[in-house]
Amino acid sequence: MPQQNWRKRFAGRAERTRSAYLLAAAAILHLSVTVLINLTGRFDLPPHIFDRNGISRALALDSFTYRRKSIELVSALAGGNLQDWLSAPFPLHVKLYSLSFALLSPVFGFSMLSVEPLNLFYYVSIIVLVYKTGLEVMERRAAIVAALVVACWPSLLLHTTQLLRDPLLIAATLLIVLVGTRWLTRRHTLGQGLLSALAAGAASAVVWVTRYNMWEILILFTLTGAVLLIARQLRERGWLTGNLLSAALLLLMLGGIPTVVGTFMLPDAHLNIPEAVELPPTPPCPDEMPGAASAPPLTAQSGLWARLMARADAAVLQLGQLRWRYTMFYADAGSNMDACVRLSSLRDLLNYLPRAVAHGFLAPYPSMWITSGSMVGRSGRILSGVEMVGMYVVEALAVVGLWSGRRRLPVWFIAVVALTGIIALGLVAVNMGVLFRLRYVFAILLVILGSGGALEVLSWWDAKRRERAKASAQASA
């Protein structure tokens, strides 16, 4: 028994060492890419995508505005006006970037090298959270594969070198997903349940102030985790008090965060990005915001079905107005899809749902891979095409992973979160660039499922190979 314990401790220590080496390699990769980008921009080297500060107009047009706002906040800090910094009506990620600029701009100027420590922290956090979630959902090998795929994801790696909110949003969302996954895989004490709820609540507050229009999706998949937790308790025929405490507290915090935190973040439209360039106009379509579909007014005598349909239409109308705002903000973008579609009722949503599913999982389509984009050019479109080929493979393997783990609740939780998020983005995001960036967090969950599916396929293939080798050996004997 002592010898077995010693071997177990040694194996655990060796595993942690290997994980640390892989994480260090990923950090070196990110740092190297950032340095290369800044050198390319500084000396105006091909492919001339990055400016002297390491910012790419094609990858992250928003970065120009966020850099300018961060510099304003650095000026406030330099003057000792901490209160002005705190009360400035700028997004959270801009304030965090301003701190990094304040520390390192004397050395590197206001370039992307000055914010590399913060971007590197986001990047490493994403990889660690992918690995931890993979350990809960799949086996260790699948977790390592998923972490490696995410670490080497070309466009995600490039986006994490810019001044964007997306890396912070992805890390915060993955933390919430990890907490929800552990409701279904672990047995928490009351203290552990409290700590996990506080961690997920803090991450939820970050999601609210970073991209508040994803709030309904966040509530939906948190409710999904809570329902699956109840199913787990019914299956195991026992109470999981710590887990229930964590779920209940998180749901309470989700209800209060919008009121307590408030509208800390200003919508992008108020940031007034001046660096936008003229783009080919989209086909003309009505500019009116979608209005409620005409229906008989509800009265006290209206039936339950009529009231439910009215509520459903109102929810779809809210979704349609969000879609309309995206359409107006990106009115002149060259990669809009179905920009003239308006969602005003449940019937509109059901009619458009098949196309939304296709856009969410399949766009950009092959017809867009070799054409020249208005912002990213031909090289950017080719890169997106290569990534989408990989994404199609991941999606197919995710189906295999879901089937092989169909009896495990955490697998269904990950699948429901990914499917819900991607389909919702297909309904709302009319611009291809927006869809590409917002889809990362949900596509990462598909990568976790797909890694498990890939190992399942390899195991099946290896078993078949062994069977053929055994049959051949018996035949030759």
Foldseek 3Di string as FASTA:
>chain_A
DVVVVVVVVVVVVVVVVVVVVVLVVLLVVLVVVLVVLLVCQCVVHPPNQAHNQSDGCLQPLVLVLLLVVLVVLLVCVVVVNVVCLVPPLAFPLSSVQSVLCNVCCVPVNSHLVSSSVVLSVLLSLLLVLQLLLLVLQHNNQLSVQLSVCSSVLVSNSSNSSGSALLSLLLSLLSLLLSLLSCLQRDQDDQVRLVVSLVSNLVSLLSNCRSPVVCLVLSLVLLVVSVVVSVVSCVVVVHDRVSSNSNSVSNNVSSVCSCVVVPNSHDDPVVSPSPVDDAAAADPDADLDQDEADDDDDDDPPDDPVVVVQVVQLVVQSVLQNLLSVLCVVCRRFPAFAPSRQGTRGPVSCVVCLVQLLCCLQQPPDPVQQQQQGRRNGRVVSVSVVVVSVVSVLLQVLLVQLCVVSVVGSSSVSLVVSLSVQSSSCSSRNRGRSVSVSSNVSSSSSSSSSSSSSVVVVVVVVVVVVVVVVVVVVVVVD
